[in-house]
N, C-alpha and C. Protein backbone atom coordinates (compact mmCIF):
# COMPACT_ATOMS: atom_id res chain seq x y z
N MET A 1 126.62 59.33 85.24
CA MET A 1 126.65 60.77 85.40
C MET A 1 127.31 61.10 86.74
N SER A 2 128.17 62.08 86.71
CA SER A 2 128.85 62.44 87.95
C SER A 2 127.95 63.33 88.80
N PRO A 3 128.16 63.32 90.11
CA PRO A 3 127.33 64.14 91.00
C PRO A 3 127.45 65.64 90.70
N GLY A 4 128.63 66.10 90.29
CA GLY A 4 128.81 67.53 89.96
C GLY A 4 127.97 67.95 88.78
N LEU A 5 127.92 67.09 87.74
CA LEU A 5 127.12 67.39 86.56
C LEU A 5 125.64 67.34 86.90
N LEU A 6 125.24 66.42 87.75
CA LEU A 6 123.85 66.31 88.17
C LEU A 6 123.41 67.57 88.92
N ILE A 7 124.28 68.10 89.76
CA ILE A 7 123.96 69.34 90.51
C ILE A 7 123.81 70.50 89.54
N ILE A 8 124.68 70.61 88.55
CA ILE A 8 124.60 71.70 87.58
C ILE A 8 123.29 71.62 86.79
N VAL A 9 122.91 70.43 86.37
CA VAL A 9 121.66 70.25 85.63
C VAL A 9 120.46 70.60 86.52
N ALA A 10 120.50 70.19 87.78
CA ALA A 10 119.41 70.50 88.72
C ALA A 10 119.32 72.01 88.95
N LEU A 11 120.46 72.68 89.10
CA LEU A 11 120.45 74.14 89.29
C LEU A 11 119.91 74.85 88.05
N PHE A 12 120.26 74.37 86.87
CA PHE A 12 119.73 74.96 85.64
C PHE A 12 118.21 74.79 85.59
N GLY A 13 117.70 73.63 86.00
CA GLY A 13 116.26 73.40 86.05
C GLY A 13 115.57 74.35 87.01
N VAL A 14 116.14 74.55 88.17
CA VAL A 14 115.57 75.49 89.14
C VAL A 14 115.60 76.91 88.58
N LEU A 15 116.71 77.28 87.95
CA LEU A 15 116.83 78.60 87.34
C LEU A 15 115.75 78.80 86.29
N TRP A 16 115.50 77.78 85.49
CA TRP A 16 114.48 77.85 84.45
C TRP A 16 113.10 78.14 85.06
N PHE A 17 112.73 77.39 86.11
CA PHE A 17 111.40 77.56 86.70
C PHE A 17 111.27 78.82 87.53
N VAL A 18 112.35 79.32 88.08
CA VAL A 18 112.27 80.50 88.94
C VAL A 18 112.42 81.81 88.16
N MET A 19 113.27 81.82 87.12
CA MET A 19 113.55 83.09 86.45
C MET A 19 113.09 83.13 85.00
N ILE A 20 113.48 82.19 84.20
CA ILE A 20 113.27 82.27 82.76
C ILE A 20 111.80 82.05 82.38
N ARG A 21 111.18 81.05 82.94
CA ARG A 21 109.79 80.74 82.59
C ARG A 21 108.83 81.89 82.95
N PRO A 22 108.88 82.46 84.17
CA PRO A 22 107.99 83.59 84.47
C PRO A 22 108.27 84.81 83.59
N GLN A 23 109.54 85.03 83.26
CA GLN A 23 109.88 86.16 82.41
C GLN A 23 109.29 85.98 81.01
N ARG A 24 109.34 84.80 80.48
CA ARG A 24 108.74 84.54 79.16
C ARG A 24 107.23 84.70 79.21
N ALA A 25 106.60 84.25 80.28
CA ALA A 25 105.14 84.40 80.41
C ALA A 25 104.76 85.87 80.49
N LYS A 26 105.55 86.65 81.21
CA LYS A 26 105.28 88.08 81.32
C LYS A 26 105.46 88.77 79.97
N ALA A 27 106.49 88.40 79.22
CA ALA A 27 106.72 88.98 77.90
C ALA A 27 105.59 88.61 76.95
N ALA A 28 105.09 87.39 77.03
CA ALA A 28 103.97 86.97 76.19
C ALA A 28 102.71 87.75 76.53
N ALA A 29 102.46 87.97 77.81
CA ALA A 29 101.28 88.75 78.23
C ALA A 29 101.40 90.20 77.75
N GLN A 30 102.60 90.78 77.83
CA GLN A 30 102.82 92.15 77.36
C GLN A 30 102.58 92.24 75.85
N ALA A 31 103.09 91.26 75.09
CA ALA A 31 102.90 91.25 73.64
C ALA A 31 101.42 91.13 73.29
N LYS A 32 100.69 90.30 74.03
CA LYS A 32 99.25 90.14 73.79
C LYS A 32 98.52 91.45 74.08
N MET A 33 98.92 92.15 75.16
CA MET A 33 98.28 93.41 75.49
C MET A 33 98.55 94.46 74.41
N LEU A 34 99.79 94.49 73.89
CA LEU A 34 100.15 95.47 72.86
C LEU A 34 99.35 95.25 71.58
N THR A 35 99.07 94.00 71.25
CA THR A 35 98.32 93.74 70.02
C THR A 35 96.82 93.89 70.22
N SER A 36 96.34 93.80 71.45
CA SER A 36 94.89 93.86 71.69
C SER A 36 94.38 95.26 72.00
N VAL A 37 95.26 96.25 72.14
CA VAL A 37 94.81 97.61 72.44
C VAL A 37 94.02 98.16 71.26
N ALA A 38 92.93 98.87 71.55
CA ALA A 38 92.04 99.38 70.51
C ALA A 38 91.65 100.82 70.84
N PRO A 39 91.21 101.59 69.84
CA PRO A 39 90.74 102.95 70.13
C PRO A 39 89.62 102.93 71.16
N GLY A 40 89.69 103.87 72.09
CA GLY A 40 88.70 103.96 73.17
C GLY A 40 89.19 103.36 74.47
N ASP A 41 90.28 102.58 74.43
CA ASP A 41 90.83 101.99 75.65
C ASP A 41 91.57 103.05 76.46
N GLU A 42 91.41 103.00 77.78
CA GLU A 42 92.21 103.88 78.65
C GLU A 42 93.50 103.14 78.97
N ILE A 43 94.61 103.85 78.82
CA ILE A 43 95.92 103.22 79.01
C ILE A 43 96.74 103.99 80.02
N LEU A 44 97.79 103.33 80.48
CA LEU A 44 98.80 103.95 81.35
C LEU A 44 100.13 103.69 80.67
N THR A 45 100.92 104.75 80.46
CA THR A 45 102.23 104.58 79.84
C THR A 45 103.27 104.29 80.92
N VAL A 46 104.45 103.83 80.49
CA VAL A 46 105.51 103.56 81.45
C VAL A 46 105.98 104.85 82.12
N GLY A 47 105.68 106.00 81.51
CA GLY A 47 106.03 107.29 82.10
C GLY A 47 105.01 107.77 83.12
N GLY A 48 103.93 107.01 83.31
CA GLY A 48 102.92 107.36 84.31
C GLY A 48 101.82 108.27 83.79
N ILE A 49 101.64 108.37 82.49
CA ILE A 49 100.62 109.23 81.90
C ILE A 49 99.41 108.39 81.53
N TYR A 50 98.24 108.80 82.02
CA TYR A 50 96.99 108.13 81.66
C TYR A 50 96.42 108.83 80.43
N GLY A 51 95.76 108.07 79.57
CA GLY A 51 95.14 108.66 78.40
C GLY A 51 94.20 107.67 77.75
N ILE A 52 93.48 108.16 76.75
CA ILE A 52 92.53 107.33 76.01
C ILE A 52 93.03 107.23 74.58
N VAL A 53 93.14 106.01 74.08
CA VAL A 53 93.64 105.77 72.73
C VAL A 53 92.62 106.31 71.74
N GLN A 54 93.09 107.19 70.83
CA GLN A 54 92.22 107.75 69.81
C GLN A 54 92.36 107.01 68.48
N GLU A 55 93.62 106.68 68.12
CA GLU A 55 93.83 105.94 66.89
C GLU A 55 95.14 105.16 66.97
N LEU A 56 95.23 104.14 66.13
CA LEU A 56 96.42 103.30 66.05
C LEU A 56 97.06 103.52 64.69
N GLU A 57 98.36 103.72 64.68
CA GLU A 57 99.06 103.81 63.40
C GLU A 57 99.42 102.39 62.96
N PRO A 58 99.50 102.15 61.66
CA PRO A 58 99.88 100.81 61.18
C PRO A 58 101.29 100.45 61.62
N ASP A 59 101.56 99.16 61.70
CA ASP A 59 102.88 98.69 62.15
C ASP A 59 104.01 99.18 61.27
N GLU A 60 103.77 99.32 59.96
CA GLU A 60 104.85 99.78 59.09
C GLU A 60 105.21 101.24 59.34
N ASP A 61 104.31 102.01 59.95
CA ASP A 61 104.60 103.40 60.31
C ASP A 61 105.17 103.52 61.72
N GLY A 62 105.48 102.43 62.32
CA GLY A 62 106.04 102.44 63.67
C GLY A 62 105.09 101.87 64.70
N GLY A 63 103.80 101.78 64.36
CA GLY A 63 102.83 101.21 65.28
C GLY A 63 102.56 102.06 66.49
N ASP A 64 102.72 103.37 66.36
CA ASP A 64 102.49 104.26 67.49
C ASP A 64 101.01 104.42 67.77
N LEU A 65 100.70 104.94 68.95
CA LEU A 65 99.33 105.22 69.36
C LEU A 65 99.15 106.73 69.44
N VAL A 66 98.00 107.22 69.04
CA VAL A 66 97.65 108.62 69.27
C VAL A 66 96.73 108.60 70.49
N VAL A 67 97.18 109.25 71.56
CA VAL A 67 96.49 109.18 72.85
C VAL A 67 96.05 110.58 73.28
N GLU A 68 94.80 110.67 73.73
CA GLU A 68 94.29 111.94 74.27
C GLU A 68 94.53 111.93 75.77
N ILE A 69 95.37 112.88 76.25
CA ILE A 69 95.69 112.93 77.66
C ILE A 69 94.87 113.98 78.41
N ALA A 70 94.26 114.90 77.68
CA ALA A 70 93.34 115.90 78.24
C ALA A 70 92.43 116.33 77.10
N ASP A 71 91.40 117.10 77.40
CA ASP A 71 90.47 117.52 76.36
C ASP A 71 91.21 118.26 75.26
N GLY A 72 91.20 117.67 74.07
CA GLY A 72 91.81 118.30 72.91
C GLY A 72 93.32 118.19 72.83
N ILE A 73 93.97 117.51 73.77
CA ILE A 73 95.43 117.38 73.74
C ILE A 73 95.76 115.94 73.38
N HIS A 74 96.37 115.77 72.21
CA HIS A 74 96.73 114.44 71.71
C HIS A 74 98.25 114.33 71.64
N VAL A 75 98.76 113.19 72.05
CA VAL A 75 100.19 112.91 71.96
C VAL A 75 100.38 111.58 71.24
N ARG A 76 101.52 111.46 70.61
CA ARG A 76 101.87 110.21 69.94
C ARG A 76 102.78 109.42 70.88
N VAL A 77 102.40 108.20 71.17
CA VAL A 77 103.11 107.37 72.13
C VAL A 77 103.56 106.10 71.42
N ALA A 78 104.80 105.70 71.64
CA ALA A 78 105.28 104.44 71.09
C ALA A 78 104.50 103.29 71.72
N ARG A 79 104.15 102.34 70.90
CA ARG A 79 103.36 101.20 71.39
C ARG A 79 104.09 100.47 72.52
N LYS A 80 105.41 100.39 72.44
CA LYS A 80 106.19 99.68 73.47
C LYS A 80 106.23 100.45 74.79
N ALA A 81 105.81 101.72 74.80
CA ALA A 81 105.79 102.50 76.03
C ALA A 81 104.49 102.30 76.81
N LEU A 82 103.65 101.40 76.34
CA LEU A 82 102.39 101.10 76.99
C LEU A 82 102.64 100.18 78.18
N ALA A 83 102.29 100.62 79.38
CA ALA A 83 102.49 99.81 80.58
C ALA A 83 101.31 98.89 80.83
N MET A 84 100.09 99.41 80.70
CA MET A 84 98.92 98.58 80.93
C MET A 84 97.67 99.24 80.38
N VAL A 85 96.67 98.44 80.13
CA VAL A 85 95.36 98.93 79.75
C VAL A 85 94.53 98.97 81.02
N VAL A 86 94.00 100.15 81.34
CA VAL A 86 93.22 100.32 82.56
C VAL A 86 91.83 99.75 82.33
N LYS A 87 91.43 98.88 83.23
CA LYS A 87 90.12 98.25 83.11
C LYS A 87 89.06 99.18 83.69
N PRO A 88 88.04 99.55 82.92
CA PRO A 88 87.03 100.50 83.42
C PRO A 88 86.22 99.98 84.59
N GLU A 89 85.93 98.67 84.65
CA GLU A 89 85.12 98.16 85.76
C GLU A 89 85.88 98.23 87.07
N ASP A 90 87.22 98.04 87.06
CA ASP A 90 88.01 98.15 88.29
C ASP A 90 88.01 99.59 88.78
N GLU A 91 88.15 100.54 87.87
CA GLU A 91 88.19 101.95 88.24
C GLU A 91 86.87 102.39 88.85
N GLU A 92 85.74 101.96 88.27
CA GLU A 92 84.44 102.34 88.80
C GLU A 92 84.22 101.75 90.18
N ASP A 93 84.65 100.50 90.40
CA ASP A 93 84.51 99.88 91.71
C ASP A 93 85.31 100.64 92.75
N ASP A 94 86.56 101.05 92.41
CA ASP A 94 87.39 101.80 93.34
C ASP A 94 86.74 103.13 93.68
N GLU A 95 86.20 103.83 92.67
CA GLU A 95 85.56 105.12 92.92
C GLU A 95 84.34 104.96 93.81
N ASP A 96 83.55 103.90 93.59
CA ASP A 96 82.37 103.67 94.41
C ASP A 96 82.75 103.40 95.86
N ARG A 97 83.81 102.60 96.08
CA ARG A 97 84.23 102.30 97.44
C ARG A 97 84.73 103.54 98.14
N VAL A 98 85.51 104.36 97.45
CA VAL A 98 86.04 105.57 98.07
C VAL A 98 84.91 106.55 98.35
N ALA A 99 83.93 106.64 97.45
CA ALA A 99 82.80 107.54 97.64
C ALA A 99 81.97 107.11 98.85
N ASP A 100 81.90 105.80 99.11
CA ASP A 100 81.14 105.30 100.25
C ASP A 100 81.92 105.35 101.55
N GLY A 101 83.18 105.88 101.51
CA GLY A 101 83.98 105.98 102.72
C GLY A 101 84.71 104.70 103.05
N GLU A 102 84.88 103.84 102.08
CA GLU A 102 85.53 102.56 102.31
C GLU A 102 86.98 102.64 101.84
N THR A 103 87.88 102.02 102.57
CA THR A 103 89.29 102.02 102.19
C THR A 103 89.59 100.85 101.29
N GLU A 104 90.85 100.76 100.81
CA GLU A 104 91.27 99.69 99.91
C GLU A 104 91.04 98.31 100.53
N ASP A 105 91.21 98.18 101.84
CA ASP A 105 91.06 96.87 102.46
C ASP A 105 89.62 96.54 102.82
N GLY A 106 88.67 97.41 102.41
CA GLY A 106 87.27 97.12 102.61
C GLY A 106 86.70 97.65 103.90
N GLU A 107 87.51 98.27 104.75
CA GLU A 107 87.00 98.79 106.00
C GLU A 107 86.57 100.24 105.82
N GLY A 108 85.64 100.69 106.64
CA GLY A 108 85.19 102.07 106.57
C GLY A 108 86.25 103.01 107.11
N ALA A 109 86.29 104.21 106.57
CA ALA A 109 87.28 105.19 107.00
C ALA A 109 86.57 106.39 107.58
N GLU A 110 87.19 107.01 108.58
CA GLU A 110 86.62 108.21 109.14
C GLU A 110 86.89 109.37 108.20
N ALA A 111 85.97 110.32 108.18
CA ALA A 111 86.18 111.50 107.34
C ALA A 111 87.30 112.33 107.94
N PRO A 112 88.19 112.87 107.11
CA PRO A 112 89.28 113.68 107.64
C PRO A 112 88.75 114.97 108.25
N ALA A 113 89.43 115.41 109.30
CA ALA A 113 89.02 116.65 109.95
C ALA A 113 89.35 117.83 109.06
N ALA A 114 88.51 118.84 109.09
CA ALA A 114 88.76 120.04 108.29
C ALA A 114 89.93 120.80 108.89
N VAL A 115 90.58 121.59 108.07
CA VAL A 115 91.72 122.38 108.54
C VAL A 115 91.23 123.33 109.61
N GLY A 116 91.92 123.34 110.73
CA GLY A 116 91.55 124.23 111.83
C GLY A 116 90.48 123.65 112.74
N GLU A 117 89.97 122.49 112.45
CA GLU A 117 88.93 121.88 113.27
C GLU A 117 89.59 121.18 114.45
N LEU A 118 89.02 121.34 115.63
CA LEU A 118 89.56 120.74 116.83
C LEU A 118 89.02 119.33 117.00
N PRO A 119 89.81 118.45 117.60
CA PRO A 119 89.33 117.09 117.87
C PRO A 119 88.16 117.13 118.85
N ASP A 120 87.37 116.06 118.87
CA ASP A 120 86.23 115.97 119.78
C ASP A 120 86.68 116.12 121.22
N GLY A 121 85.96 116.87 122.01
CA GLY A 121 86.24 117.01 123.43
C GLY A 121 87.26 118.09 123.75
N VAL A 122 87.77 118.81 122.76
CA VAL A 122 88.75 119.87 123.02
C VAL A 122 88.09 121.20 122.71
N GLU A 123 88.13 122.10 123.68
CA GLU A 123 87.53 123.42 123.54
C GLU A 123 88.58 124.42 123.05
N VAL A 124 88.14 125.53 122.51
CA VAL A 124 89.05 126.58 122.07
C VAL A 124 89.79 127.13 123.28
N GLY A 125 91.09 127.29 123.18
CA GLY A 125 91.90 127.80 124.29
C GLY A 125 92.38 126.71 125.23
N GLU A 126 91.87 125.51 125.10
CA GLU A 126 92.25 124.39 125.96
C GLU A 126 93.24 123.50 125.20
N LEU A 127 94.28 123.04 125.87
CA LEU A 127 95.27 122.17 125.23
C LEU A 127 94.86 120.72 125.39
N PRO A 128 95.03 119.93 124.34
CA PRO A 128 94.72 118.50 124.46
C PRO A 128 95.65 117.82 125.46
N ASP A 129 95.27 116.64 125.92
CA ASP A 129 96.09 115.88 126.86
C ASP A 129 97.46 115.61 126.26
N GLY A 130 98.51 115.76 127.07
CA GLY A 130 99.86 115.46 126.64
C GLY A 130 100.57 116.62 125.96
N VAL A 131 99.93 117.77 125.82
CA VAL A 131 100.55 118.93 125.18
C VAL A 131 100.85 119.95 126.26
N GLU A 132 102.13 120.38 126.33
CA GLU A 132 102.53 121.36 127.32
C GLU A 132 102.54 122.75 126.71
N GLU A 133 102.22 123.73 127.52
CA GLU A 133 102.24 125.11 127.05
C GLU A 133 103.63 125.70 127.28
N VAL A 134 104.13 126.42 126.29
CA VAL A 134 105.42 127.08 126.40
C VAL A 134 105.14 128.56 126.59
N ASN A 135 105.57 129.11 127.77
CA ASN A 135 105.28 130.49 128.10
C ASN A 135 106.41 131.45 127.77
N ASP A 136 107.60 130.97 127.69
CA ASP A 136 108.76 131.82 127.52
C ASP A 136 109.53 131.36 126.28
N GLU A 137 110.09 132.31 125.55
CA GLU A 137 110.85 131.93 124.37
C GLU A 137 112.07 131.10 124.73
N GLU A 138 112.62 131.28 125.90
CA GLU A 138 113.79 130.53 126.33
C GLU A 138 113.41 129.11 126.75
N GLU A 139 112.15 128.91 127.16
CA GLU A 139 111.70 127.61 127.60
C GLU A 139 111.34 126.77 126.36
N THR A 140 111.69 125.51 126.39
CA THR A 140 111.39 124.63 125.27
C THR A 140 111.04 123.25 125.78
N VAL A 141 110.25 122.54 125.02
CA VAL A 141 109.92 121.17 125.37
C VAL A 141 110.86 120.21 124.65
N ASN A 142 111.80 120.75 123.86
CA ASN A 142 112.77 119.96 123.13
C ASN A 142 114.15 120.27 123.68
N PRO A 143 114.63 119.49 124.65
CA PRO A 143 115.92 119.80 125.25
C PRO A 143 117.03 119.79 124.22
N GLY A 144 117.91 120.78 124.30
CA GLY A 144 119.05 120.86 123.41
C GLY A 144 118.75 121.56 122.10
N ALA A 145 117.49 121.97 121.88
CA ALA A 145 117.15 122.60 120.61
C ALA A 145 117.73 123.99 120.50
N GLY A 146 117.90 124.69 121.61
CA GLY A 146 118.39 126.06 121.55
C GLY A 146 119.90 126.15 121.59
N GLU A 147 120.59 125.04 121.78
CA GLU A 147 122.03 125.07 121.87
C GLU A 147 122.66 125.10 120.48
N ALA A 148 123.79 125.80 120.38
CA ALA A 148 124.51 125.84 119.10
C ALA A 148 125.18 124.49 118.87
N PRO A 149 125.23 124.04 117.64
CA PRO A 149 125.88 122.76 117.37
C PRO A 149 127.38 122.84 117.64
N ALA A 150 127.94 121.75 118.10
CA ALA A 150 129.37 121.70 118.39
C ALA A 150 130.16 121.71 117.08
N THR A 151 131.25 122.48 117.07
CA THR A 151 132.08 122.51 115.87
C THR A 151 133.01 121.31 115.87
N PRO A 152 133.16 120.64 114.74
CA PRO A 152 134.04 119.48 114.72
C PRO A 152 135.50 119.91 114.79
N GLU A 153 136.27 119.12 115.49
CA GLU A 153 137.70 119.42 115.59
C GLU A 153 138.41 118.79 114.41
N ARG A 154 139.34 119.53 113.84
CA ARG A 154 140.10 119.00 112.70
C ARG A 154 141.50 118.71 113.13
N SER A 155 142.08 117.69 112.55
CA SER A 155 143.46 117.35 112.93
C SER A 155 144.45 117.77 111.88
């Protein structure tokens, strides 16, 4: 075997393990998900719409899903437009963590300040550290903001 042919075979092997094999595994997982969806499952479509599967049409009729996206609103969705089945236990865990003030990374989060609420240690009428007061309309803390833009010269 020549070294050139050996390199081509080795590159094809690397291509197989890096690109083709994971793609086939992903396609197999998608096909398994499409066949395992059942009424009552919460789904996410590739268009970003969440809904609950109400009924499945037979494959000979196209295999579409009837999905409830809001109370009393049903849409027909192509089975291939299904992006994922939302797992209820994951959603409940996320809601519990957020309700307890915990962020995605597991650390506690401070409650956001209400609109119009001043930071701790700042009184009404007092400026926080690092903020300058502007007394005159001509005065600015942004140099060059009041100047007209230069017109480009054309040749």
